[in-house]
Amino acid sequence: MKYLGRKTALAAAMLACAALVWGCVESGAGISGATGVRALKSQGYEEMSDSAPASSAGAPAGGSFKVVAQEGQEQLVVVDPTRGEEAQQALGSVYDLDLKPLSTPECGRCHFSVFTAIKDDGGKHQLDCTYCHEEFHTYKPGKNWADVVPACNTCHGAAHGQDYLQCLTCHADAHAPVTSMVALSQLEPDCAKCHQPQGQELKLYPSAHTELSCSSCHHTQHGNIPDCSECHAQPHVTFEDNSGCVGCHPVHSPTNIEYGTQVENNVCAGCHQSVNTTLMNSQKKHATLSCVYCHAQSHGHISTCQDCHGKPHSEAMLSRFGSCTECHGDPHALALPGQ
């Protein structure tokens, strides 16, 4: 019985509290902003002019606000949260404002991921948004997307020929056109169509490189250029960077070795060590020359003695020998018979 009595008393107390709270809400007593509760609950308030008198109770002077009231109640000031810099201006009509077109930073506030993509990887696409998007926020369901987004060929024309007019097939993101290139497995069948000189060079000068797929070297992403040492782990000279290799070995025709006049002998010695040792041990003037002085133009070229020396002996003497080396021996040593 005692338990039931306590339960009944508790229920009665809860009902009394609920009634008290409801009464406070209805009357506004004891609740901060009671006039606001009453005014907003009212269905029949009167909306006054935007430019309320500065003397209105609680009205912010010169601000953007509305004053609403119901008969017999205090005035309620409602500040307009949609107004920014104009909040301190005296309001007439909103259409009296002098609005300016959106700038690129303002576009970026809503289109943050797009702005970031252009900022980090846009390359030459780091333009004002309105340069490409002359019209924007005009898309409606059923409208042709091409009428909203500008075509790439507007600026680029047929960059890769008439067979490749669907740019986004390869450049997945127009805002980051290079870094968004699709997987190389999709691009590889058409590599030679865009990179014709390289494809022709591989065929003209067959080598182990000719047998490789493009993605074997240009892996990871489009435009990737690997270090030569990824495959050629022990080159014949100390590897510093690719320029040291391609100075002699063109990448797509590595056996067609060409070089300039500034190649040092130690580079040649990487493959021709015994010949270089013979030359360096010689006391003749040939030892003062660089390898490329005689072996000019391309790898494997051998100059004739007459290119430098002409005919130092009489015709009668020369007719007795087949070549200069019969007497002078190896041109790297120039050791006469008996020496």
C-alpha atoms as a PDB file:
ATOM      1  CA  MET A   1       0.000   0.000   0.000  1.00  0.00           C
ATOM      2  CA  LYS A   2       2.842   2.385   0.888  1.00  0.00           C
ATOM      3  CA  TYR A   3       4.426   1.704  -2.512  1.00  0.00           C
ATOM      4  CA  LEU A   4       1.207   2.532  -4.394  1.00  0.00           C
ATOM      5  CA  GLY A   5       0.792   5.720  -2.405  1.00  0.00           C
ATOM      6  CA  ARG A   6       4.299   6.889  -3.298  1.00  0.00           C
ATOM      7  CA  LYS A   7       3.740   6.060  -6.942  1.00  0.00           C
ATOM      8  CA  THR A   8       0.509   8.055  -7.007  1.00  0.00           C
ATOM      9  CA  ALA A   9       2.188  11.039  -5.327  1.00  0.00           C
ATOM     10  CA  LEU A  10       5.077  10.980  -7.838  1.00  0.00           C
ATOM     11  CA  ALA A  11       2.687  10.959 -10.797  1.00  0.00           C
ATOM     12  CA  ALA A  12       0.757  13.877  -9.353  1.00  0.00           C
ATOM     13  CA  ALA A  13       3.972  15.859  -8.853  1.00  0.00           C
ATOM     14  CA  MET A  14       5.037  15.276 -12.447  1.00  0.00           C
ATOM     15  CA  LEU A  15       1.658  16.474 -13.735  1.00  0.00           C
ATOM     16  CA  ALA A  16       1.947  19.577 -11.591  1.00  0.00           C
ATOM     17  CA  CYS A  17       5.429  20.376 -12.953  1.00  0.00           C
ATOM     18  CA  ALA A  18       4.250  19.939 -16.543  1.00  0.00           C
ATOM     19  CA  ALA A  19       1.326  22.270 -15.921  1.00  0.00           C
ATOM     20  CA  LEU A  20       3.642  24.851 -14.364  1.00  0.00           C
ATOM     21  CA  VAL A  21       6.060  24.782 -17.295  1.00  0.00           C
ATOM     22  CA  TRP A  22       3.257  25.069 -19.826  1.00  0.00           C
ATOM     23  CA  GLY A  23       1.879  28.038 -17.965  1.00  0.00           C
ATOM     24  CA  CYS A  24       5.275  29.757 -18.029  1.00  0.00           C
ATOM     25  CA  VAL A  25       5.584  29.253 -21.772  1.00  0.00           C
ATOM     26  CA  GLU A  26       2.113  30.646 -22.382  1.00  0.00           C
ATOM     27  CA  SER A  27       2.687  33.671 -20.188  1.00  0.00           C
ATOM     28  CA  GLY A  28       6.380  34.171 -21.007  1.00  0.00           C
ATOM     29  CA  ALA A  29       7.191  34.400 -17.287  1.00  0.00           C
ATOM     30  CA  GLY A  30      10.621  33.228 -16.188  1.00  0.00           C
ATOM     31  CA  ILE A  31      11.889  32.509 -19.738  1.00  0.00           C
ATOM     32  CA  SER A  32      14.507  34.701 -21.397  1.00  0.00           C
ATOM     33  CA  GLY A  33      13.182  36.324 -24.539  1.00  0.00           C
ATOM     34  CA  ALA A  34       9.558  35.811 -23.618  1.00  0.00           C
ATOM     35  CA  THR A  35       8.432  38.576 -25.904  1.00  0.00           C
ATOM     36  CA  GLY A  36      10.153  36.800 -28.763  1.00  0.00           C
ATOM     37  CA  VAL A  37       8.342  33.552 -27.923  1.00  0.00           C
ATOM     38  CA  ARG A  38       5.034  35.348 -27.814  1.00  0.00           C
ATOM     39  CA  ALA A  39       5.642  37.254 -31.026  1.00  0.00           C
ATOM     40  CA  LEU A  40       6.870  34.264 -33.016  1.00  0.00           C
ATOM     41  CA  LYS A  41       4.009  32.071 -31.717  1.00  0.00           C
ATOM     42  CA  SER A  42       1.528  34.642 -32.813  1.00  0.00           C
ATOM     43  CA  GLN A  43      -0.145  34.032 -36.148  1.00  0.00           C
ATOM     44  CA  GLY A  44      -1.378  37.582 -36.453  1.00  0.00           C
ATOM     45  CA  TYR A  45       1.674  39.797 -35.995  1.00  0.00           C
ATOM     46  CA  GLU A  46       2.084  42.932 -38.019  1.00  0.00           C
ATOM     47  CA  GLU A  47       5.315  43.257 -40.075  1.00  0.00           C
ATOM     48  CA  MET A  48       6.623  46.775 -39.989  1.00  0.00           C
ATOM     49  CA  SER A  49       9.013  48.578 -42.327  1.00  0.00           C
ATOM     50  CA  ASP A  50      12.625  47.483 -42.616  1.00  0.00           C
ATOM     51  CA  SER A  51      13.764  50.916 -41.573  1.00  0.00           C
ATOM     52  CA  ALA A  52      12.437  51.042 -38.015  1.00  0.00           C
ATOM     53  CA  PRO A  53      12.867  54.171 -35.877  1.00  0.00           C
ATOM     54  CA  ALA A  54      16.184  54.265 -34.078  1.00  0.00           C
ATOM     55  CA  SER A  55      14.350  54.812 -30.840  1.00  0.00           C
ATOM     56  CA  SER A  56      12.575  51.441 -31.041  1.00  0.00           C
ATOM     57  CA  ALA A  57      13.233  49.443 -27.927  1.00  0.00           C
ATOM     58  CA  GLY A  58      16.029  46.955 -28.510  1.00  0.00           C
ATOM     59  CA  ALA A  59      16.467  47.910 -32.163  1.00  0.00           C
ATOM     60  CA  PRO A  60      20.081  48.014 -33.402  1.00  0.00           C
ATOM     61  CA  ALA A  61      20.764  51.463 -34.786  1.00  0.00           C
ATOM     62  CA  GLY A  62      21.058  51.496 -38.568  1.00  0.00           C
ATOM     63  CA  GLY A  63      21.154  47.687 -38.803  1.00  0.00           C
ATOM     64  CA  SER A  64      19.300  45.290 -41.016  1.00  0.00           C
ATOM     65  CA  PHE A  65      16.281  44.232 -39.035  1.00  0.00           C
ATOM     66  CA  LYS A  66      12.515  43.884 -38.936  1.00  0.00           C
ATOM     67  CA  VAL A  67      10.178  44.855 -36.114  1.00  0.00           C
ATOM     68  CA  VAL A  68       7.134  42.682 -35.549  1.00  0.00           C
ATOM     69  CA  ALA A  69       4.501  43.074 -32.865  1.00  0.00           C
ATOM     70  CA  GLN A  70       1.038  41.986 -31.843  1.00  0.00           C
ATOM     71  CA  GLU A  71      -1.464  44.252 -30.202  1.00  0.00           C
ATOM     72  CA  GLY A  72      -0.781  44.578 -26.500  1.00  0.00           C
ATOM     73  CA  GLN A  73       2.704  43.041 -26.711  1.00  0.00           C
ATOM     74  CA  GLU A  74       6.230  44.432 -26.727  1.00  0.00           C
ATOM     75  CA  GLN A  75       8.006  44.979 -30.033  1.00  0.00           C
ATOM     76  CA  LEU A  76      10.258  42.164 -31.250  1.00  0.00           C
ATOM     77  CA  VAL A  77      13.407  42.983 -33.213  1.00  0.00           C
ATOM     78  CA  VAL A  78      14.404  40.249 -35.683  1.00  0.00           C
ATOM     79  CA  VAL A  79      17.868  40.731 -37.242  1.00  0.00           C
ATOM     80  CA  ASP A  80      18.124  39.569 -40.874  1.00  0.00           C
ATOM     81  CA  PRO A  81      20.932  36.943 -40.898  1.00  0.00           C
ATOM     82  CA  THR A  82      21.245  36.914 -44.685  1.00  0.00           C
ATOM     83  CA  ARG A  83      22.773  40.340 -44.936  1.00  0.00           C
ATOM     84  CA  GLY A  84      26.539  40.581 -44.932  1.00  0.00           C
ATOM     85  CA  GLU A  85      28.493  43.798 -45.430  1.00  0.00           C
ATOM     86  CA  GLU A  86      25.248  45.656 -46.101  1.00  0.00           C
ATOM     87  CA  ALA A  87      23.940  44.934 -42.592  1.00  0.00           C
ATOM     88  CA  GLN A  88      24.970  48.385 -41.430  1.00  0.00           C
ATOM     89  CA  GLN A  89      23.396  50.185 -44.375  1.00  0.00           C
ATOM     90  CA  ALA A  90      19.971  51.768 -44.208  1.00  0.00           C
ATOM     91  CA  LEU A  91      17.683  49.488 -46.166  1.00  0.00           C
ATOM     92  CA  GLY A  92      15.482  50.502 -48.992  1.00  0.00           C
ATOM     93  CA  SER A  93      14.844  47.719 -51.490  1.00  0.00           C
ATOM     94  CA  VAL A  94      17.239  44.776 -51.799  1.00  0.00           C
ATOM     95  CA  TYR A  95      17.308  45.491 -55.512  1.00  0.00           C
ATOM     96  CA  ASP A  96      18.855  48.874 -54.841  1.00  0.00           C
ATOM     97  CA  LEU A  97      22.121  47.065 -54.061  1.00  0.00           C
ATOM     98  CA  ASP A  98      24.946  47.279 -56.597  1.00  0.00           C
ATOM     99  CA  LEU A  99      25.941  43.623 -56.966  1.00  0.00           C
ATOM    100  CA  LYS A 100      29.153  42.565 -58.673  1.00  0.00           C
ATOM    101  CA  PRO A 101      29.740  39.353 -60.676  1.00  0.00           C
ATOM    102  CA  LEU A 102      31.216  36.423 -58.768  1.00  0.00           C
ATOM    103  CA  SER A 103      35.000  36.311 -58.627  1.00  0.00           C
ATOM    104  CA  THR A 104      37.104  33.138 -58.745  1.00  0.00           C
ATOM    105  CA  PRO A 105      37.690  33.089 -54.947  1.00  0.00           C
ATOM    106  CA  GLU A 106      33.936  33.360 -54.420  1.00  0.00           C
ATOM    107  CA  CYS A 107      33.329  30.432 -56.795  1.00  0.00           C
ATOM    108  CA  GLY A 108      35.927  28.465 -54.851  1.00  0.00           C
ATOM    109  CA  ARG A 109      34.064  28.840 -51.556  1.00  0.00           C
ATOM    110  CA  CYS A 110      31.276  26.588 -52.827  1.00  0.00           C
ATOM    111  CA  HIS A 111      33.270  24.576 -55.364  1.00  0.00           C
ATOM    112  CA  PHE A 112      36.185  23.993 -53.014  1.00  0.00           C
ATOM    113  CA  SER A 113      37.326  20.641 -54.426  1.00  0.00           C
ATOM    114  CA  VAL A 114      37.368  22.066 -57.956  1.00  0.00           C
ATOM    115  CA  PHE A 115      39.278  25.144 -56.810  1.00  0.00           C
ATOM    116  CA  THR A 116      41.827  22.931 -55.031  1.00  0.00           C
ATOM    117  CA  ALA A 117      42.283  20.687 -58.087  1.00  0.00           C
ATOM    118  CA  ILE A 118      43.024  23.710 -60.274  1.00  0.00           C
ATOM    119  CA  LYS A 119      45.288  25.237 -57.629  1.00  0.00           C
ATOM    120  CA  ASP A 120      47.372  22.069 -57.195  1.00  0.00           C
ATOM    121  CA  ASP A 121      47.261  20.455 -60.640  1.00  0.00           C
ATOM    122  CA  GLY A 122      45.530  22.863 -63.015  1.00  0.00           C
ATOM    123  CA  GLY A 123      48.633  23.822 -64.963  1.00  0.00           C
ATOM    124  CA  LYS A 124      47.653  26.214 -67.736  1.00  0.00           C
ATOM    125  CA  HIS A 125      44.022  25.836 -66.674  1.00  0.00           C
ATOM    126  CA  GLN A 126      44.673  28.187 -63.743  1.00  0.00           C
ATOM    127  CA  LEU A 127      42.333  30.745 -65.257  1.00  0.00           C
ATOM    128  CA  ASP A 128      39.417  32.752 -63.903  1.00  0.00           C
ATOM    129  CA  CYS A 129      36.396  30.456 -63.684  1.00  0.00           C
ATOM    130  CA  THR A 130      34.386  32.722 -65.987  1.00  0.00           C
ATOM    131  CA  TYR A 131      37.021  32.352 -68.716  1.00  0.00           C
ATOM    132  CA  CYS A 132      35.582  28.906 -69.476  1.00  0.00           C
ATOM    133  CA  HIS A 133      32.230  29.073 -67.681  1.00  0.00           C
ATOM    134  CA  GLU A 134      30.758  32.152 -69.305  1.00  0.00           C
ATOM    135  CA  GLU A 135      27.352  30.962 -68.129  1.00  0.00           C
ATOM    136  CA  PHE A 136      26.906  29.081 -64.897  1.00  0.00           C
ATOM    137  CA  HIS A 137      24.194  27.807 -62.563  1.00  0.00           C
ATOM    138  CA  THR A 138      21.932  27.425 -65.572  1.00  0.00           C
ATOM    139  CA  TYR A 139      21.631  23.660 -65.669  1.00  0.00           C
ATOM    140  CA  LYS A 140      18.147  22.197 -65.552  1.00  0.00           C
ATOM    141  CA  PRO A 141      17.108  18.526 -65.752  1.00  0.00           C
ATOM    142  CA  GLY A 142      16.825  17.509 -69.371  1.00  0.00           C
ATOM    143  CA  LYS A 143      19.120  20.251 -70.621  1.00  0.00           C
ATOM    144  CA  ASN A 144      22.045  19.201 -72.810  1.00  0.00           C
ATOM    145  CA  TRP A 145      25.166  19.221 -70.641  1.00  0.00           C
ATOM    146  CA  ALA A 146      27.239  20.397 -73.629  1.00  0.00           C
ATOM    147  CA  ASP A 147      25.244  23.635 -73.603  1.00  0.00           C
ATOM    148  CA  VAL A 148      26.402  24.345 -70.059  1.00  0.00           C
ATOM    149  CA  VAL A 149      30.022  23.138 -70.033  1.00  0.00           C
ATOM    150  CA  PRO A 150      32.301  24.605 -72.733  1.00  0.00           C
ATOM    151  CA  ALA A 151      33.851  22.222 -75.228  1.00  0.00           C
ATOM    152  CA  CYS A 152      37.612  21.653 -74.906  1.00  0.00           C
ATOM    153  CA  ASN A 153      38.123  22.354 -78.606  1.00  0.00           C
ATOM    154  CA  THR A 154      36.925  25.910 -78.024  1.00  0.00           C
ATOM    155  CA  CYS A 155      40.493  26.657 -76.916  1.00  0.00           C
ATOM    156  CA  HIS A 156      42.486  23.575 -77.892  1.00  0.00           C
ATOM    157  CA  GLY A 157      41.010  22.698 -81.261  1.00  0.00           C
ATOM    158  CA  ALA A 158      41.640  19.092 -82.317  1.00  0.00           C
ATOM    159  CA  ALA A 159      44.786  18.823 -80.189  1.00  0.00           C
ATOM    160  CA  HIS A 160      45.373  15.146 -81.019  1.00  0.00           C
ATOM    161  CA  GLY A 161      43.692  14.980 -84.418  1.00  0.00           C
ATOM    162  CA  GLN A 162      40.171  14.264 -85.513  1.00  0.00           C
ATOM    163  CA  ASP A 163      40.257  10.740 -84.058  1.00  0.00           C
ATOM    164  CA  TYR A 164      40.495  12.063 -80.505  1.00  0.00           C
ATOM    165  CA  LEU A 165      37.804  14.655 -79.926  1.00  0.00           C
ATOM    166  CA  GLN A 166      36.406  13.182 -76.695  1.00  0.00           C
ATOM    167  CA  CYS A 167      39.005  14.754 -74.436  1.00  0.00           C
ATOM    168  CA  LEU A 168      37.601  13.474 -71.137  1.00  0.00           C
ATOM    169  CA  THR A 169      38.108   9.899 -72.319  1.00  0.00           C
ATOM    170  CA  CYS A 170      41.794  10.320 -71.461  1.00  0.00           C
ATOM    171  CA  HIS A 171      41.847  13.536 -69.403  1.00  0.00           C
ATOM    172  CA  ALA A 172      39.310  12.469 -66.798  1.00  0.00           C
ATOM    173  CA  ASP A 173      39.228  15.827 -64.968  1.00  0.00           C
ATOM    174  CA  ALA A 174      39.262  18.989 -67.069  1.00  0.00           C
ATOM    175  CA  HIS A 175      40.342  20.982 -64.003  1.00  0.00           C
ATOM    176  CA  ALA A 176      43.498  18.838 -63.603  1.00  0.00           C
ATOM    177  CA  PRO A 177      44.042  17.634 -67.174  1.00  0.00           C
ATOM    178  CA  VAL A 178      47.527  16.132 -66.833  1.00  0.00           C
ATOM    179  CA  THR A 179      47.406  14.424 -63.441  1.00  0.00           C
ATOM    180  CA  SER A 180      43.964  12.947 -64.175  1.00  0.00           C
ATOM    181  CA  MET A 181      45.103  10.918 -67.162  1.00  0.00           C
ATOM    182  CA  VAL A 182      43.451   7.493 -67.117  1.00  0.00           C
ATOM    183  CA  ALA A 183      45.345   4.242 -66.530  1.00  0.00           C
ATOM    184  CA  LEU A 184      48.176   3.532 -68.954  1.00  0.00           C
ATOM    185  CA  SER A 185      46.604   0.230 -69.897  1.00  0.00           C
ATOM    186  CA  GLN A 186      43.818   2.246 -71.540  1.00  0.00           C
ATOM    187  CA  LEU A 187      46.208   4.641 -73.261  1.00  0.00           C
ATOM    188  CA  GLU A 188      48.847   2.209 -74.517  1.00  0.00           C
ATOM    189  CA  PRO A 189      47.137   1.055 -77.732  1.00  0.00           C
ATOM    190  CA  ASP A 190      47.213   4.640 -78.976  1.00  0.00           C
ATOM    191  CA  CYS A 191      50.600   5.818 -77.685  1.00  0.00           C
ATOM    192  CA  ALA A 192      52.201   5.849 -81.143  1.00  0.00           C
ATOM    193  CA  LYS A 193      49.349   7.892 -82.596  1.00  0.00           C
ATOM    194  CA  CYS A 194      50.173  10.829 -80.354  1.00  0.00           C
ATOM    195  CA  HIS A 195      53.910  10.112 -80.073  1.00  0.00           C
ATOM    196  CA  GLN A 196      54.685   9.267 -83.699  1.00  0.00           C
ATOM    197  CA  PRO A 197      58.376  10.335 -83.780  1.00  0.00           C
ATOM    198  CA  GLN A 198      59.210   8.093 -80.819  1.00  0.00           C
ATOM    199  CA  GLY A 199      57.356   5.151 -82.334  1.00  0.00           C
ATOM    200  CA  GLN A 200      59.160   5.550 -85.659  1.00  0.00           C
ATOM    201  CA  GLU A 201      62.539   5.850 -83.923  1.00  0.00           C
ATOM    202  CA  LEU A 202      62.000   2.566 -82.053  1.00  0.00           C
ATOM    203  CA  LYS A 203      61.291   0.780 -85.340  1.00  0.00           C
ATOM    204  CA  LEU A 204      64.137   2.416 -87.274  1.00  0.00           C
ATOM    205  CA  TYR A 205      66.772   1.481 -84.672  1.00  0.00           C
ATOM    206  CA  PRO A 206      65.770  -1.942 -83.286  1.00  0.00           C
ATOM    207  CA  SER A 207      66.999  -2.656 -79.782  1.00  0.00           C
ATOM    208  CA  ALA A 208      65.816  -4.283 -76.585  1.00  0.00           C
ATOM    209  CA  HIS A 209      63.791  -1.115 -76.009  1.00  0.00           C
ATOM    210  CA  THR A 210      61.814  -1.822 -79.175  1.00  0.00           C
ATOM    211  CA  GLU A 211      60.538  -5.057 -77.644  1.00  0.00           C
ATOM    212  CA  LEU A 212      59.161  -3.345 -74.546  1.00  0.00           C
ATOM    213  CA  SER A 213      55.681  -1.933 -74.101  1.00  0.00           C
ATOM    214  CA  CYS A 214      55.495   1.821 -73.511  1.00  0.00           C
ATOM    215  CA  SER A 215      54.159   1.298 -69.996  1.00  0.00           C
ATOM    216  CA  SER A 216      57.184  -0.837 -69.080  1.00  0.00           C
ATOM    217  CA  CYS A 217      59.217   2.351 -68.830  1.00  0.00           C
ATOM    218  CA  HIS A 218      56.557   5.043 -68.582  1.00  0.00           C
ATOM    219  CA  HIS A 219      54.772   3.368 -65.712  1.00  0.00           C
ATOM    220  CA  THR A 220      52.783   4.808 -62.793  1.00  0.00           C
ATOM    221  CA  GLN A 221      51.235   7.645 -64.778  1.00  0.00           C
ATOM    222  CA  HIS A 222      51.277   9.346 -68.150  1.00  0.00           C
ATOM    223  CA  GLY A 223      54.450  11.389 -68.583  1.00  0.00           C
ATOM    224  CA  ASN A 224      56.466   9.407 -66.064  1.00  0.00           C
ATOM    225  CA  ILE A 225      60.151   9.194 -67.057  1.00  0.00           C
ATOM    226  CA  PRO A 226      62.039   6.583 -65.043  1.00  0.00           C
ATOM    227  CA  ASP A 227      65.713   6.618 -64.148  1.00  0.00           C
ATOM    228  CA  CYS A 228      67.754   4.536 -66.573  1.00  0.00           C
ATOM    229  CA  SER A 229      69.167   2.697 -63.552  1.00  0.00           C
ATOM    230  CA  GLU A 230      65.762   1.094 -62.881  1.00  0.00           C
ATOM    231  CA  CYS A 231      66.643  -1.443 -65.566  1.00  0.00           C
ATOM    232  CA  HIS A 232      70.341  -0.811 -66.145  1.00  0.00           C
ATOM    233  CA  ALA A 233      71.419  -1.196 -62.545  1.00  0.00           C
ATOM    234  CA  GLN A 234      75.167  -1.209 -63.292  1.00  0.00           C
ATOM    235  CA  PRO A 235      75.928   1.271 -66.071  1.00  0.00           C
ATOM    236  CA  HIS A 236      79.488   1.582 -67.282  1.00  0.00           C
ATOM    237  CA  VAL A 237      79.929   4.957 -65.568  1.00  0.00           C
ATOM    238  CA  THR A 238      78.683   6.165 -62.208  1.00  0.00           C
ATOM    239  CA  PHE A 239      74.996   7.004 -62.564  1.00  0.00           C
ATOM    240  CA  GLU A 240      74.068  10.519 -61.514  1.00  0.00           C
ATOM    241  CA  ASP A 241      71.035  11.248 -63.653  1.00  0.00           C
ATOM    242  CA  ASN A 242      69.567  10.330 -67.023  1.00  0.00           C
ATOM    243  CA  SER A 243      71.392  13.124 -68.833  1.00  0.00           C
ATOM    244  CA  GLY A 244      74.652  11.217 -68.415  1.00  0.00           C
ATOM    245  CA  CYS A 245      73.145   8.222 -70.236  1.00  0.00           C
ATOM    246  CA  VAL A 246      71.189   9.941 -72.988  1.00  0.00           C
ATOM    247  CA  GLY A 247      74.244  12.035 -73.849  1.00  0.00           C
ATOM    248  CA  CYS A 248      75.368   8.950 -75.755  1.00  0.00           C
ATOM    249  CA  HIS A 249      72.319   6.678 -75.848  1.00  0.00           C
ATOM    250  CA  PRO A 250      69.142   8.258 -77.273  1.00  0.00           C
ATOM    251  CA  VAL A 251      66.318   6.725 -75.254  1.00  0.00           C
ATOM    252  CA  HIS A 252      64.279   5.300 -78.128  1.00  0.00           C
ATOM    253  CA  SER A 253      67.334   4.294 -80.206  1.00  0.00           C
ATOM    254  CA  PRO A 254      69.936   3.377 -77.581  1.00  0.00           C
ATOM    255  CA  THR A 255      72.211   1.513 -79.990  1.00  0.00           C
ATOM    256  CA  ASN A 256      72.457   4.539 -82.265  1.00  0.00           C
ATOM    257  CA  ILE A 257      75.138   6.076 -80.075  1.00  0.00           C
ATOM    258  CA  GLU A 258      75.890   9.704 -80.792  1.00  0.00           C
ATOM    259  CA  TYR A 259      77.873  12.187 -78.781  1.00  0.00           C
ATOM    260  CA  GLY A 260      79.395  15.627 -78.851  1.00  0.00           C
ATOM    261  CA  THR A 261      82.990  16.763 -78.721  1.00  0.00           C
ATOM    262  CA  GLN A 262      82.986  17.255 -74.950  1.00  0.00           C
ATOM    263  CA  VAL A 263      82.778  13.583 -73.924  1.00  0.00           C
ATOM    264  CA  GLU A 264      85.671  12.707 -71.626  1.00  0.00           C
ATOM    265  CA  ASN A 265      87.848   9.651 -72.186  1.00  0.00           C
ATOM    266  CA  ASN A 266      86.818   8.048 -68.906  1.00  0.00           C
ATOM    267  CA  VAL A 267      83.265   7.753 -70.252  1.00  0.00           C
ATOM    268  CA  CYS A 268      84.524   5.750 -73.229  1.00  0.00           C
ATOM    269  CA  ALA A 269      86.747   3.762 -70.897  1.00  0.00           C
ATOM    270  CA  GLY A 270      83.672   2.419 -69.159  1.00  0.00           C
ATOM    271  CA  CYS A 271      83.290  -0.020 -72.059  1.00  0.00           C
ATOM    272  CA  HIS A 272      86.712   0.246 -73.713  1.00  0.00           C
ATOM    273  CA  GLN A 273      88.967  -0.113 -70.684  1.00  0.00           C
ATOM    274  CA  SER A 274      91.871  -2.000 -72.370  1.00  0.00           C
ATOM    275  CA  VAL A 275      92.018   0.448 -75.274  1.00  0.00           C
ATOM    276  CA  ASN A 276      92.011   3.397 -72.893  1.00  0.00           C
ATOM    277  CA  THR A 277      94.838   1.825 -70.845  1.00  0.00           C
ATOM    278  CA  THR A 278      96.949   1.387 -73.979  1.00  0.00           C
ATOM    279  CA  LEU A 279      96.374   4.990 -74.978  1.00  0.00           C
ATOM    280  CA  MET A 280      97.183   6.402 -71.541  1.00  0.00           C
ATOM    281  CA  ASN A 281     100.428   4.389 -71.357  1.00  0.00           C
ATOM    282  CA  SER A 282     101.608   5.611 -74.758  1.00  0.00           C
ATOM    283  CA  GLN A 283     104.262   8.317 -75.022  1.00  0.00           C
ATOM    284  CA  LYS A 284     103.059   9.411 -78.456  1.00  0.00           C
ATOM    285  CA  LYS A 285     100.965  12.448 -79.333  1.00  0.00           C
ATOM    286  CA  HIS A 286      97.826  10.364 -79.771  1.00  0.00           C
ATOM    287  CA  ALA A 287      97.727  10.009 -75.974  1.00  0.00           C
ATOM    288  CA  THR A 288      97.032  13.751 -75.698  1.00  0.00           C
ATOM    289  CA  LEU A 289      93.863  13.520 -77.787  1.00  0.00           C
ATOM    290  CA  SER A 290      90.337  12.760 -76.646  1.00  0.00           C
ATOM    291  CA  CYS A 291      88.686   9.633 -77.977  1.00  0.00           C
ATOM    292  CA  VAL A 292      86.013  11.646 -79.790  1.00  0.00           C
ATOM    293  CA  TYR A 293      88.665  13.599 -81.690  1.00  0.00           C
ATOM    294  CA  CYS A 294      89.343  10.571 -83.873  1.00  0.00           C
ATOM    295  CA  HIS A 295      86.084   8.658 -83.310  1.00  0.00           C
ATOM    296  CA  ALA A 296      83.902  11.614 -84.151  1.00  0.00           C
ATOM    297  CA  GLN A 297      80.251  11.848 -85.171  1.00  0.00           C
ATOM    298  CA  SER A 298      78.944   8.518 -83.948  1.00  0.00           C
ATOM    299  CA  HIS A 299      79.932   5.428 -82.036  1.00  0.00           C
ATOM    300  CA  GLY A 300      81.990   3.010 -84.131  1.00  0.00           C
ATOM    301  CA  HIS A 301      83.298   5.654 -86.517  1.00  0.00           C
ATOM    302  CA  ILE A 302      87.026   5.175 -87.296  1.00  0.00           C
ATOM    303  CA  SER A 303      88.913   7.995 -88.954  1.00  0.00           C
ATOM    304  CA  THR A 304      91.629   7.255 -91.528  1.00  0.00           C
ATOM    305  CA  CYS A 305      95.183   8.263 -90.812  1.00  0.00           C
ATOM    306  CA  GLN A 306      95.084  10.496 -93.900  1.00  0.00           C
ATOM    307  CA  ASP A 307      92.288  12.573 -92.317  1.00  0.00           C
ATOM    308  CA  CYS A 308      94.914  14.144 -90.071  1.00  0.00           C
ATOM    309  CA  HIS A 309      98.300  13.200 -91.544  1.00  0.00           C
ATOM    310  CA  GLY A 310      97.684  13.326 -95.274  1.00  0.00           C
ATOM    311  CA  LYS A 311     100.508  11.430 -97.054  1.00  0.00           C
ATOM    312  CA  PRO A 312     103.667  11.837 -94.943  1.00  0.00           C
ATOM    313  CA  HIS A 313     105.677   9.371 -97.106  1.00  0.00           C
ATOM    314  CA  SER A 314     106.372   9.101-100.804  1.00  0.00           C
ATOM    315  CA  GLU A 315     104.081   7.185-103.120  1.00  0.00           C
ATOM    316  CA  ALA A 316     106.844   4.665-103.776  1.00  0.00           C
ATOM    317  CA  MET A 317     107.155   3.916-100.063  1.00  0.00           C
ATOM    318  CA  LEU A 318     103.448   3.792 -99.420  1.00  0.00           C
ATOM    319  CA  SER A 319     102.967   1.396-102.313  1.00  0.00           C
ATOM    320  CA  ARG A 320     105.048  -1.206-100.476  1.00  0.00           C
ATOM    321  CA  PHE A 321     102.614  -1.396 -97.511  1.00  0.00           C
ATOM    322  CA  GLY A 322      98.937  -2.081 -97.257  1.00  0.00           C
ATOM    323  CA  SER A 323      98.252   0.407 -94.423  1.00  0.00           C
ATOM    324  CA  CYS A 324      99.922   2.672 -91.905  1.00  0.00           C
ATOM    325  CA  THR A 325      99.415   0.165 -89.083  1.00  0.00           C
ATOM    326  CA  GLU A 326     101.785  -2.319 -90.761  1.00  0.00           C
ATOM    327  CA  CYS A 327     104.597  -0.131 -89.530  1.00  0.00           C
ATOM    328  CA  HIS A 328     103.084   1.972 -86.784  1.00  0.00           C
ATOM    329  CA  GLY A 329     101.024  -0.763 -85.184  1.00  0.00           C
ATOM    330  CA  ASP A 330      98.012  -0.033 -82.945  1.00  0.00           C
ATOM    331  CA  PRO A 331      97.129   3.642 -83.396  1.00  0.00           C
ATOM    332  CA  HIS A 332      96.509   3.864 -79.609  1.00  0.00           C
ATOM    333  CA  ALA A 333     100.147   2.880 -78.919  1.00  0.00           C
ATOM    334  CA  LEU A 334     101.969   3.842 -82.149  1.00  0.00           C
ATOM    335  CA  ALA A 335     104.793   1.436 -81.395  1.00  0.00           C
ATOM    336  CA  LEU A 336     107.157   1.021 -84.376  1.00  0.00           C
ATOM    337  CA  PRO A 337     108.619  -2.451 -85.030  1.00  0.00           C
ATOM    338  CA  GLY A 338     111.314  -3.238 -82.516  1.00  0.00           C
ATOM    339  CA  GLN A 339     110.028  -0.775 -79.929  1.00  0.00           C
END
